[in-house]
Amino acid sequence: MVNENFNIENTSLTEELKIIFSNIISLLGENIDREGLVKTPERASKAMKFLTSGYKTDPKQILESAMFKEEYKEMVIVKDIELYSLCEHHILPFFGKAHIAYIPNGHIVGLSKIPRVVDVFARRLQVQERMTEQILECINDTLKPQGVAVVIEASHMCMMMRGVQKQNSTTTTSGFRGSFKETDTRNEFLKLIT
């Protein structure tokens, strides 16, 4: 659910977050008045607002703002889209790349809009599996293409810094709709992104 009161410029939200971050730092045993920490609560609140700014943006509107009638009917791939998100379980970063393809069905979309859609969903508290599905459904529902494919490869700091502490592990998630459910089409996509 989108928080209608969220605004990255909202100063009252910044002030509330500053108090919360000050309390966290103090509870951890640090001196909030120490030179290196004096401005940390404000910086952390601004960073958190930016990293969760996806709640205030409608990704369908991004796509609709640059849809064009076109009879092109072959695969369109945008690959290696950098993404940075926060794991909703530990509020630690996960980061990686998304590879997205669609086969138009009368409409194409401006290529920069696909990475913007990725950013909208990445800038929320997330799990990689849900984000993969959200990106897939947004493109499928808005463009109504013949098919859509999404593959995300990411490293999760919650696995690397804590817990199992496996620094070289990556997680891959995928989703396919329409013509990408056909083996030949899916395999062509997977070959082109590797």
Protein backbone atom coordinates (compact mmCIF):
# COMPACT_ATOMS: atom_id res chain seq x y z
CA MET A 1 0.00 0.00 0.00
CA VAL A 2 1.32 3.44 -0.92
CA ASN A 3 1.63 5.92 1.93
CA GLU A 4 -0.17 9.02 0.60
CA ASN A 5 1.51 11.21 3.24
CA PHE A 6 5.00 10.17 2.16
CA ASN A 7 7.02 12.96 0.61
CA ILE A 8 10.78 12.86 0.34
CA GLU A 9 10.82 16.61 1.15
CA ASN A 10 8.50 16.16 4.17
CA THR A 11 10.40 17.89 6.99
CA SER A 12 8.19 16.55 9.80
CA LEU A 13 8.96 13.01 8.61
CA THR A 14 12.67 13.87 8.59
CA GLU A 15 12.41 15.18 12.16
CA GLU A 16 10.58 12.06 13.38
CA LEU A 17 13.13 9.78 11.72
CA LYS A 18 15.99 11.83 13.23
CA ILE A 19 14.61 11.17 16.72
CA ILE A 20 14.29 7.46 15.97
CA PHE A 21 17.84 7.20 14.58
CA SER A 22 19.18 9.19 17.58
CA ASN A 23 17.48 6.74 19.93
CA ILE A 24 18.87 3.73 18.05
CA ILE A 25 22.41 5.13 18.18
CA SER A 26 22.08 5.88 21.91
CA LEU A 27 20.58 2.46 22.67
CA LEU A 28 23.57 0.84 20.94
CA GLY A 29 25.81 2.54 23.50
CA GLU A 30 27.20 5.34 21.37
CA ASN A 31 27.47 9.00 22.32
CA ILE A 32 25.08 10.85 20.01
CA ASP A 33 26.98 14.09 20.74
CA ARG A 34 30.28 12.68 19.46
CA GLU A 35 31.61 14.75 16.52
CA GLY A 36 31.28 11.94 13.98
CA LEU A 37 27.70 11.15 15.01
CA VAL A 38 26.14 14.59 15.55
CA LYS A 39 24.70 14.79 12.03
CA THR A 40 24.23 11.04 11.52
CA PRO A 41 20.53 10.96 12.51
CA GLU A 42 19.68 13.62 9.92
CA ARG A 43 21.79 11.98 7.21
CA ALA A 44 20.32 8.55 8.02
CA SER A 45 16.75 9.89 7.90
CA LYS A 46 17.32 11.50 4.50
CA ALA A 47 18.96 8.31 3.22
CA MET A 48 16.06 6.16 4.45
CA LYS A 49 13.52 8.46 2.82
CA PHE A 50 15.40 8.22 -0.49
CA LEU A 51 15.85 4.44 -0.25
CA THR A 52 12.11 3.99 0.30
CA SER A 53 10.90 6.68 -2.12
CA GLY A 54 9.35 4.03 -4.39
CA TYR A 55 6.20 4.03 -2.27
CA LYS A 56 5.19 7.44 -3.63
CA THR A 57 5.52 6.62 -7.35
CA ASP A 58 3.06 4.78 -9.58
CA PRO A 59 5.17 2.60 -11.90
CA LYS A 60 2.30 2.17 -14.38
CA GLN A 61 2.24 5.93 -14.94
CA ILE A 62 5.94 5.79 -15.80
CA LEU A 63 5.26 3.28 -18.57
CA GLU A 64 2.09 5.01 -19.77
CA SER A 65 3.97 8.30 -20.14
CA ALA A 66 6.11 6.85 -22.96
CA MET A 67 4.03 4.24 -24.79
CA PHE A 68 4.10 4.45 -28.57
CA LYS A 69 2.18 2.59 -31.25
CA GLU A 70 4.59 0.43 -33.19
CA GLU A 71 4.27 -2.78 -35.19
CA TYR A 72 7.62 -4.19 -34.07
CA LYS A 73 6.99 -7.76 -32.89
CA GLU A 74 10.42 -9.07 -31.93
CA MET A 75 12.02 -9.33 -28.49
CA VAL A 76 13.14 -6.12 -26.75
CA ILE A 77 15.68 -6.66 -23.98
CA VAL A 78 17.04 -4.21 -21.44
CA LYS A 79 19.71 -6.02 -19.46
CA ASP A 80 22.17 -5.31 -16.67
CA ILE A 81 19.86 -2.78 -14.98
CA GLU A 82 21.54 -1.97 -11.67
CA LEU A 83 19.27 -2.21 -8.65
CA TYR A 84 19.68 -1.41 -4.98
CA SER A 85 17.04 -2.29 -2.44
CA LEU A 86 16.50 -2.96 1.27
CA CYS A 87 15.60 -6.39 2.57
CA GLU A 88 12.39 -6.07 4.56
CA HIS A 89 13.53 -8.70 7.07
CA HIS A 90 16.68 -6.95 8.32
CA ILE A 91 16.62 -3.54 6.55
CA LEU A 92 19.99 -4.37 5.03
CA PRO A 93 20.81 -3.73 1.37
CA PHE A 94 20.62 -6.16 -1.46
CA PHE A 95 21.92 -5.21 -4.87
CA GLY A 96 22.42 -6.65 -8.30
CA LYS A 97 21.07 -6.55 -11.83
CA ALA A 98 17.74 -7.01 -13.52
CA HIS A 99 17.30 -8.30 -17.08
CA ILE A 100 13.92 -7.56 -18.65
CA ALA A 101 12.44 -8.47 -22.01
CA TYR A 102 9.09 -8.04 -23.67
CA ILE A 103 7.62 -8.81 -27.06
CA PRO A 104 5.45 -5.87 -28.18
CA ASN A 105 1.84 -6.29 -29.17
CA GLY A 106 1.15 -2.98 -30.90
CA HIS A 107 2.98 -0.74 -28.42
CA ILE A 108 6.58 -0.18 -27.40
CA VAL A 109 7.80 1.85 -24.44
CA GLY A 110 10.66 4.32 -24.08
CA LEU A 111 13.67 2.24 -23.05
CA SER A 112 14.57 4.43 -20.05
CA LYS A 113 11.17 3.70 -18.51
CA ILE A 114 11.97 0.06 -17.82
CA PRO A 115 14.91 0.85 -15.46
CA ARG A 116 12.70 3.50 -13.81
CA VAL A 117 10.09 0.85 -13.07
CA VAL A 118 12.82 -1.31 -11.53
CA ASP A 119 13.86 1.63 -9.32
CA VAL A 120 10.29 2.21 -8.11
CA PHE A 121 9.96 -1.35 -6.84
CA ALA A 122 13.57 -1.51 -5.57
CA ARG A 123 13.11 1.65 -3.49
CA ARG A 124 10.75 -0.06 -1.08
CA LEU A 125 11.29 -2.55 1.72
CA GLN A 126 11.44 -5.71 -0.38
CA VAL A 127 12.11 -9.34 -0.91
CA GLN A 128 13.66 -10.23 -4.25
CA GLU A 129 10.93 -12.73 -5.12
CA ARG A 130 8.13 -10.18 -4.73
CA MET A 131 10.05 -7.47 -6.56
CA THR A 132 10.55 -9.81 -9.54
CA GLU A 133 6.81 -10.49 -9.66
CA GLN A 134 5.86 -6.81 -9.23
CA ILE A 135 8.07 -5.68 -12.12
CA LEU A 136 6.76 -8.51 -14.30
CA GLU A 137 3.09 -7.79 -13.56
CA CYS A 138 3.47 -4.02 -13.98
CA ILE A 139 4.97 -4.38 -17.47
CA ASN A 140 2.53 -7.13 -18.44
CA ASP A 141 -0.58 -5.28 -17.22
CA THR A 142 0.43 -1.89 -18.64
CA LEU A 143 1.95 -2.74 -22.04
CA LYS A 144 -0.15 -5.88 -22.64
CA PRO A 145 2.68 -7.40 -24.70
CA GLN A 146 2.81 -10.86 -26.24
CA GLY A 147 5.13 -11.82 -23.38
CA VAL A 148 7.35 -10.51 -20.60
CA ALA A 149 10.43 -11.97 -18.89
CA VAL A 150 12.25 -10.75 -15.78
CA VAL A 151 15.42 -12.20 -14.25
CA ILE A 152 17.05 -10.63 -11.19
CA GLU A 153 20.47 -11.60 -9.83
CA ALA A 154 21.34 -10.07 -6.48
CA SER A 155 23.66 -10.27 -3.49
CA HIS A 156 22.08 -9.85 -0.07
CA MET A 157 23.97 -8.18 2.76
CA CYS A 158 21.75 -10.00 5.28
CA MET A 159 23.45 -13.21 4.09
CA MET A 160 26.90 -11.68 3.64
CA MET A 161 27.33 -9.56 6.79
CA ARG A 162 25.36 -11.63 9.30
CA GLY A 163 23.65 -14.98 9.54
CA VAL A 164 25.43 -17.52 7.32
CA GLN A 165 28.05 -14.92 6.26
CA LYS A 166 28.46 -16.24 2.73
CA GLN A 167 30.15 -13.43 0.80
CA ASN A 168 30.04 -15.04 -2.64
CA SER A 169 26.42 -16.14 -2.72
CA THR A 170 23.95 -14.67 -5.17
CA THR A 171 20.23 -15.21 -5.57
CA THR A 172 18.52 -15.48 -8.94
CA THR A 173 14.77 -15.08 -9.39
CA SER A 174 12.80 -15.18 -12.61
CA GLY A 175 9.31 -14.74 -13.96
CA PHE A 176 7.78 -15.33 -17.38
CA ARG A 177 4.44 -14.43 -18.93
CA GLY A 178 2.83 -15.04 -22.30
CA SER A 179 5.12 -16.16 -25.11
CA PHE A 180 8.08 -16.48 -22.70
CA LYS A 181 6.39 -19.57 -21.24
CA GLU A 182 7.35 -21.27 -24.53
CA THR A 183 10.69 -23.03 -24.20
CA ASP A 184 12.27 -21.63 -27.39
CA THR A 185 11.42 -18.01 -26.58
CA ARG A 186 12.53 -18.34 -22.96
CA ASN A 187 15.80 -20.02 -23.98
CA GLU A 188 16.54 -17.26 -26.53
CA PHE A 189 16.09 -14.66 -23.79
CA LEU A 190 18.23 -16.56 -21.29
CA LYS A 191 20.98 -17.03 -23.88
CA LEU A 192 20.98 -13.31 -24.74
CA ILE A 193 21.35 -12.19 -21.12
CA THR A 194 24.27 -14.50 -20.26
